[in-house]
N, C-alpha and C. Protein backbone atom coordinates (compact mmCIF):
# COMPACT_ATOMS: atom_id res chain seq x y z
N MET A 1 -6.78 2.79 -44.02
CA MET A 1 -7.08 3.84 -43.65
C MET A 1 -5.99 3.45 -42.11
N GLN A 2 -5.49 4.30 -41.34
CA GLN A 2 -4.24 4.22 -40.54
C GLN A 2 -5.02 4.46 -38.95
N SER A 3 -5.20 3.46 -37.69
CA SER A 3 -6.31 4.01 -36.86
C SER A 3 -5.45 4.47 -35.61
N ASN A 4 -4.48 4.40 -36.16
CA ASN A 4 -3.60 4.29 -34.54
C ASN A 4 -2.47 5.48 -35.08
N ILE A 5 -3.11 6.84 -34.13
CA ILE A 5 -1.39 7.86 -35.21
C ILE A 5 -0.51 8.54 -33.68
N PRO A 6 0.56 8.06 -34.44
CA PRO A 6 1.92 8.02 -33.05
C PRO A 6 1.79 9.58 -32.59
N LEU A 7 2.19 9.71 -31.19
CA LEU A 7 1.87 10.60 -30.71
C LEU A 7 2.51 12.15 -31.46
N SER A 8 3.37 11.87 -31.83
CA SER A 8 4.72 12.75 -32.57
C SER A 8 3.78 13.61 -33.83
N GLU A 9 2.74 13.14 -34.13
CA GLU A 9 2.06 13.12 -35.38
C GLU A 9 0.58 13.89 -35.21
N MET A 10 0.45 14.04 -33.86
CA MET A 10 -0.53 14.48 -33.53
C MET A 10 -0.57 16.21 -33.50
N PRO A 11 -1.41 17.08 -33.82
CA PRO A 11 -1.78 18.06 -33.47
C PRO A 11 -1.29 18.77 -32.30
N ALA A 12 -0.53 19.43 -32.08
CA ALA A 12 -0.27 20.33 -30.63
C ALA A 12 -1.24 21.14 -29.51
N TRP A 13 -2.91 21.18 -30.17
CA TRP A 13 -3.85 21.81 -29.46
C TRP A 13 -4.45 20.45 -29.14
N THR A 14 -4.20 18.94 -30.10
CA THR A 14 -4.56 17.67 -29.24
C THR A 14 -3.96 17.21 -28.15
N LEU A 15 -2.79 17.71 -28.52
CA LEU A 15 -2.42 16.99 -27.21
C LEU A 15 -2.05 17.59 -26.13
N ALA A 16 -2.22 19.01 -26.21
CA ALA A 16 -2.77 20.43 -24.73
C ALA A 16 -4.11 20.14 -23.93
N LEU A 17 -5.08 19.75 -25.28
CA LEU A 17 -6.12 19.41 -25.03
C LEU A 17 -6.34 17.67 -23.93
N LEU A 18 -5.58 16.64 -24.28
CA LEU A 18 -5.95 15.48 -23.83
C LEU A 18 -4.68 15.74 -22.35
N GLY A 19 -3.89 16.49 -22.25
CA GLY A 19 -3.25 16.63 -21.12
C GLY A 19 -4.17 17.48 -19.80
N VAL A 20 -4.98 18.27 -20.15
CA VAL A 20 -6.15 19.40 -19.61
C VAL A 20 -6.64 17.81 -19.23
N LEU A 21 -7.21 16.89 -20.12
CA LEU A 21 -8.32 15.86 -19.93
C LEU A 21 -7.57 15.25 -18.51
N VAL A 22 -6.47 14.88 -18.38
CA VAL A 22 -5.75 14.03 -17.97
C VAL A 22 -5.56 14.43 -16.42
N VAL A 23 -5.55 15.86 -16.17
CA VAL A 23 -5.24 16.70 -15.07
C VAL A 23 -7.05 16.56 -14.89
N VAL A 24 -7.83 16.82 -14.90
CA VAL A 24 -8.96 17.18 -14.54
C VAL A 24 -9.68 15.38 -14.39
N GLN A 25 -9.18 14.39 -15.35
CA GLN A 25 -9.40 13.41 -14.27
C GLN A 25 -9.17 13.03 -13.32
N ILE A 26 -7.94 12.96 -13.39
CA ILE A 26 -6.86 12.39 -11.93
C ILE A 26 -7.67 13.64 -10.27
N GLY A 27 -7.87 14.95 -10.84
CA GLY A 27 -8.55 16.03 -9.82
C GLY A 27 -9.23 15.59 -9.47
N VAL A 28 -9.77 14.81 -10.32
CA VAL A 28 -11.84 14.87 -9.89
C VAL A 28 -11.26 13.41 -8.86
N GLU A 29 -10.99 12.23 -9.66
CA GLU A 29 -10.36 11.64 -8.59
C GLU A 29 -9.78 11.27 -7.62
N ILE A 30 -8.74 12.68 -7.39
CA ILE A 30 -8.48 12.28 -5.91
C ILE A 30 -9.25 12.99 -4.61
N PHE A 31 -9.94 13.96 -5.37
CA PHE A 31 -11.15 14.61 -4.48
C PHE A 31 -12.01 13.68 -4.12
N ALA A 32 -12.43 12.87 -5.22
CA ALA A 32 -13.60 11.80 -4.59
C ALA A 32 -13.04 10.67 -3.42
N ILE A 33 -11.81 10.17 -3.97
CA ILE A 33 -10.95 9.52 -2.75
C ILE A 33 -11.23 10.22 -1.11
N VAL A 34 -10.46 11.08 -1.54
CA VAL A 34 -10.86 12.25 0.08
C VAL A 34 -12.07 11.99 0.62
N LYS A 35 -13.25 12.50 0.25
CA LYS A 35 -14.58 12.46 -0.04
C LYS A 35 -14.69 11.03 0.42
N LEU A 36 -14.71 10.14 0.04
CA LEU A 36 -15.16 9.28 0.17
C LEU A 36 -14.27 8.88 1.69
N LEU A 37 -13.43 8.90 1.94
CA LEU A 37 -12.51 8.28 2.79
C LEU A 37 -12.59 9.56 4.20
N LYS A 38 -13.09 10.46 4.35
CA LYS A 38 -13.67 11.80 5.03
C LYS A 38 -15.20 10.85 5.74
N THR A 39 -16.04 10.35 4.46
CA THR A 39 -17.19 10.10 5.11
C THR A 39 -17.38 8.97 5.51
N PRO A 40 -18.49 8.87 6.82
CA PRO A 40 -18.65 7.89 7.93
C PRO A 40 -19.18 6.78 6.81
N ASP A 41 -19.13 5.54 7.15
CA ASP A 41 -19.64 4.31 6.39
C ASP A 41 -21.44 4.70 6.79
N ASP A 42 -21.93 4.89 7.76
CA ASP A 42 -23.24 5.23 8.10
C ASP A 42 -24.08 5.71 6.61
N GLN A 43 -23.46 6.80 5.89
CA GLN A 43 -23.34 8.03 5.06
C GLN A 43 -23.41 7.73 4.11
N LEU A 44 -23.32 6.27 3.62
CA LEU A 44 -22.37 5.06 2.33
C LEU A 44 -23.41 4.46 1.57
N VAL A 45 -23.82 4.65 0.39
CA VAL A 45 -25.17 4.19 -0.23
C VAL A 45 -24.97 2.85 0.03
N PHE A 46 -23.97 1.94 -0.16
CA PHE A 46 -23.65 0.44 -0.11
C PHE A 46 -23.27 0.09 1.26
N GLY A 47 -22.67 1.13 2.50
CA GLY A 47 -22.33 0.94 3.39
C GLY A 47 -21.03 0.59 4.01
N LYS A 48 -20.28 0.41 2.75
CA LYS A 48 -19.10 0.41 2.78
C LYS A 48 -18.29 1.07 2.33
N LYS A 49 -16.77 0.91 2.38
CA LYS A 49 -16.34 2.36 1.29
C LYS A 49 -15.05 2.08 0.36
N TRP A 50 -15.07 0.47 0.37
CA TRP A 50 -14.67 -0.67 -0.54
C TRP A 50 -15.45 -0.53 -1.64
N PRO A 51 -16.47 -0.93 -2.25
CA PRO A 51 -17.12 -1.01 -2.85
C PRO A 51 -16.84 0.53 -4.16
N TRP A 52 -17.35 1.52 -3.39
CA TRP A 52 -16.95 3.13 -4.50
C TRP A 52 -15.33 3.17 -4.47
N LEU A 53 -14.72 2.83 -3.41
CA LEU A 53 -13.39 2.73 -4.05
C LEU A 53 -12.76 2.03 -5.40
N LEU A 54 -13.65 0.42 -5.73
CA LEU A 54 -12.93 0.19 -6.73
C LEU A 54 -13.78 1.26 -7.72
N ILE A 55 -15.12 1.64 -7.80
CA ILE A 55 -16.07 2.39 -8.45
C ILE A 55 -15.10 3.13 -9.22
N ILE A 56 -14.40 4.06 -8.17
CA ILE A 56 -14.21 5.36 -8.29
C ILE A 56 -12.62 4.77 -9.16
N LEU A 57 -11.86 3.69 -8.91
CA LEU A 57 -10.62 3.62 -9.34
C LEU A 57 -10.98 3.45 -10.49
N PHE A 58 -11.87 2.14 -11.18
CA PHE A 58 -11.82 1.40 -12.73
C PHE A 58 -13.02 2.15 -13.05
N VAL A 59 -13.70 2.74 -12.80
CA VAL A 59 -14.44 3.14 -13.69
C VAL A 59 -13.78 4.94 -14.08
N ASN A 60 -13.17 5.23 -14.04
CA ASN A 60 -12.47 6.59 -14.28
C ASN A 60 -12.99 7.96 -13.94
N LEU A 61 -13.23 8.48 -14.55
CA LEU A 61 -13.76 10.03 -14.62
C LEU A 61 -15.56 9.33 -14.07
N VAL A 62 -16.06 8.70 -14.62
CA VAL A 62 -17.94 8.63 -14.61
C VAL A 62 -17.96 8.30 -13.29
N GLY A 63 -17.02 7.15 -12.74
CA GLY A 63 -17.29 6.42 -11.38
C GLY A 63 -17.12 7.46 -9.80
N ALA A 64 -16.21 8.06 -10.30
CA ALA A 64 -16.11 9.67 -9.33
C ALA A 64 -17.10 10.68 -9.19
N ILE A 65 -16.99 10.98 -10.43
CA ILE A 65 -18.64 11.38 -10.43
C ILE A 65 -19.50 11.27 -10.02
N ALA A 66 -20.11 9.29 -9.80
CA ALA A 66 -20.95 8.60 -9.86
C ALA A 66 -21.12 8.69 -8.09
N PHE A 67 -19.98 9.03 -8.03
CA PHE A 67 -19.33 8.50 -6.50
C PHE A 67 -20.06 10.35 -5.54
N LEU A 68 -19.10 10.88 -6.27
CA LEU A 68 -19.74 12.45 -5.65
C LEU A 68 -21.77 12.50 -5.56
N ALA A 69 -21.95 12.05 -6.93
CA ALA A 69 -23.57 12.45 -7.15
C ALA A 69 -24.45 11.84 -6.34
N ALA A 70 -24.34 10.56 -6.07
CA ALA A 70 -25.04 9.71 -5.45
C ALA A 70 -24.42 8.99 -4.45
N GLY A 71 -23.68 8.56 -4.26
CA GLY A 71 -22.55 7.73 -3.44
C GLY A 71 -22.82 8.16 -2.01
N ARG A 72 -23.46 9.87 -1.55
CA ARG A 72 -23.05 10.01 -0.26
C ARG A 72 -25.10 9.81 -0.05
N LYS A 73 -25.10 9.53 1.67
CA LYS A 73 -26.85 10.06 1.88
C LYS A 73 -26.54 11.20 2.24
N PRO A 74 -27.18 11.85 2.22
CA PRO A 74 -27.42 13.70 3.19
C PRO A 74 -27.42 13.53 4.65
N ALA A 75 -26.57 14.35 5.07
CA ALA A 75 -26.75 13.97 6.25
C ALA A 75 -28.22 15.08 7.17
N GLU A 76 -28.08 14.20 8.02
CA GLU A 76 -29.30 14.65 8.59
C GLU A 76 -29.63 15.89 9.47
N ALA A 77 -30.53 16.57 9.35
CA ALA A 77 -30.93 17.47 9.37
C ALA A 77 -30.99 18.01 11.07
N VAL A 78 -30.49 18.61 11.86
CA VAL A 78 -30.82 19.24 13.41
C VAL A 78 -31.89 20.43 12.83
N ASP A 79 -32.97 20.04 13.86
CA ASP A 79 -34.23 20.41 14.25
C ASP A 79 -33.40 21.66 15.32
N PRO A 80 -32.95 22.90 15.14
CA PRO A 80 -32.46 24.40 16.04
C PRO A 80 -33.43 24.35 17.40
N LEU A 81 -34.56 24.18 16.92
CA LEU A 81 -35.55 24.31 18.41
C LEU A 81 -35.97 23.00 19.16
N ALA A 82 -35.01 22.05 19.01
CA ALA A 82 -35.34 20.49 19.52
C ALA A 82 -33.63 20.86 20.63
N ALA A 83 -32.61 21.01 19.83
CA ALA A 83 -31.41 21.54 20.77
C ALA A 83 -31.46 22.22 21.49
N PRO A 84 -30.98 22.46 22.74
CA PRO A 84 -30.90 23.25 23.65
C PRO A 84 -29.76 24.52 23.53
N VAL A 85 -30.73 25.57 23.31
CA VAL A 85 -29.49 27.07 23.39
C VAL A 85 -28.62 27.26 24.99
N SER A 86 -27.58 26.79 24.87
CA SER A 86 -27.26 27.11 26.22
C SER A 86 -26.81 28.31 26.49
N ASP A 87 -27.00 29.74 26.01
CA ASP A 87 -26.54 30.87 26.69
C ASP A 87 -27.63 31.49 26.63
N ALA A 88 -28.70 31.42 26.24
CA ALA A 88 -30.26 31.61 26.18
C ALA A 88 -30.62 31.06 27.66
N PRO A 89 -31.38 31.82 27.76
CA PRO A 89 -32.59 31.41 29.19
C PRO A 89 -33.38 30.43 28.75
N ALA A 90 -34.04 29.18 29.43
CA ALA A 90 -34.69 28.14 29.34
C ALA A 90 -36.20 28.75 28.96
N THR A 91 -36.42 28.32 27.81
CA THR A 91 -38.15 28.79 27.27
C THR A 91 -38.93 28.18 27.25
N THR A 92 -40.39 27.42 27.99
CA THR A 92 -41.08 26.64 27.54
C THR A 92 -41.89 26.69 26.32
N ASP A 93 -42.03 27.91 26.09
CA ASP A 93 -43.17 28.61 24.85
C ASP A 93 -42.00 28.40 23.87
N ARG A 94 -42.88 27.48 22.85
CA ARG A 94 -42.24 27.27 21.36
C ARG A 94 -42.05 28.61 20.77
N ALA A 95 -42.75 29.51 20.65
CA ALA A 95 -42.62 30.12 19.67
C ALA A 95 -41.57 31.59 20.09
N ALA A 96 -41.61 31.35 21.38
CA ALA A 96 -40.49 32.40 21.99
C ALA A 96 -38.77 31.62 21.81
N ARG A 97 -39.04 30.57 21.69
CA ARG A 97 -37.60 29.97 21.40
C ARG A 97 -37.27 30.08 19.97
N ALA A 98 -38.33 29.84 19.43
CA ALA A 98 -38.26 30.08 17.95
C ALA A 98 -37.63 31.61 17.58
N ALA A 99 -37.97 32.49 18.19
CA ALA A 99 -37.98 33.75 17.73
C ALA A 99 -36.97 33.92 18.36
N ASP A 100 -36.17 33.45 19.30
CA ASP A 100 -34.80 33.36 20.10
C ASP A 100 -33.52 32.85 18.87
N VAL A 101 -33.78 31.42 18.32
CA VAL A 101 -32.87 31.02 17.64
C VAL A 101 -32.85 32.33 15.95
N LEU A 102 -34.10 32.89 15.32
CA LEU A 102 -33.97 33.08 14.79
C LEU A 102 -33.59 34.79 15.07
N TYR A 103 -34.00 35.10 15.89
CA TYR A 103 -33.53 36.76 15.86
C TYR A 103 -32.47 36.90 16.66
N GLY A 104 -32.37 35.88 17.93
CA GLY A 104 -31.14 36.01 18.56
C GLY A 104 -31.73 36.58 20.67
N SER A 105 -31.70 36.25 21.38
CA SER A 105 -32.43 36.04 22.46
C SER A 105 -32.37 37.88 22.65
N GLY A 106 -33.50 38.00 23.26
CA GLY A 106 -33.86 39.51 23.91
C GLY A 106 -32.88 40.45 24.71
N SER A 107 -31.55 39.53 25.41
CA SER A 107 -30.65 40.21 25.92
C SER A 107 -29.54 40.35 25.55
N ASP A 108 -29.68 40.48 23.95
CA ASP A 108 -28.38 40.48 22.93
C ASP A 108 -28.54 41.82 22.21
N ALA A 109 -30.24 42.08 22.28
CA ALA A 109 -30.14 43.52 21.94
C ALA A 109 -29.68 44.51 22.31
N GLN A 110 -29.06 45.44 21.75
CA GLN A 110 -28.47 46.87 21.96
C GLN A 110 -29.00 48.07 22.72
């Protein structure tokens, strides 16, 4: 039984499928590396970029998918009621502030 088949003897559909898989793998790895470089260190699971870079490069497609799925911490949510609204008048009533954030201030109505 021959375990190594030369590329010249492989069917065309197999070569096309291998080509598509190579392009997908390289694309996902490049996307993961760009996301890694844009992500601040404090939002990474390990806290540093170099372990994730090694995982992405040496574990191939699985490492890139692992980084994209579980390597980043979610960004903290910002409470819109806690942040001051610059163009709206300052209100001390939390319910009025919530209505302004959700529906716009009363002065915006036409």
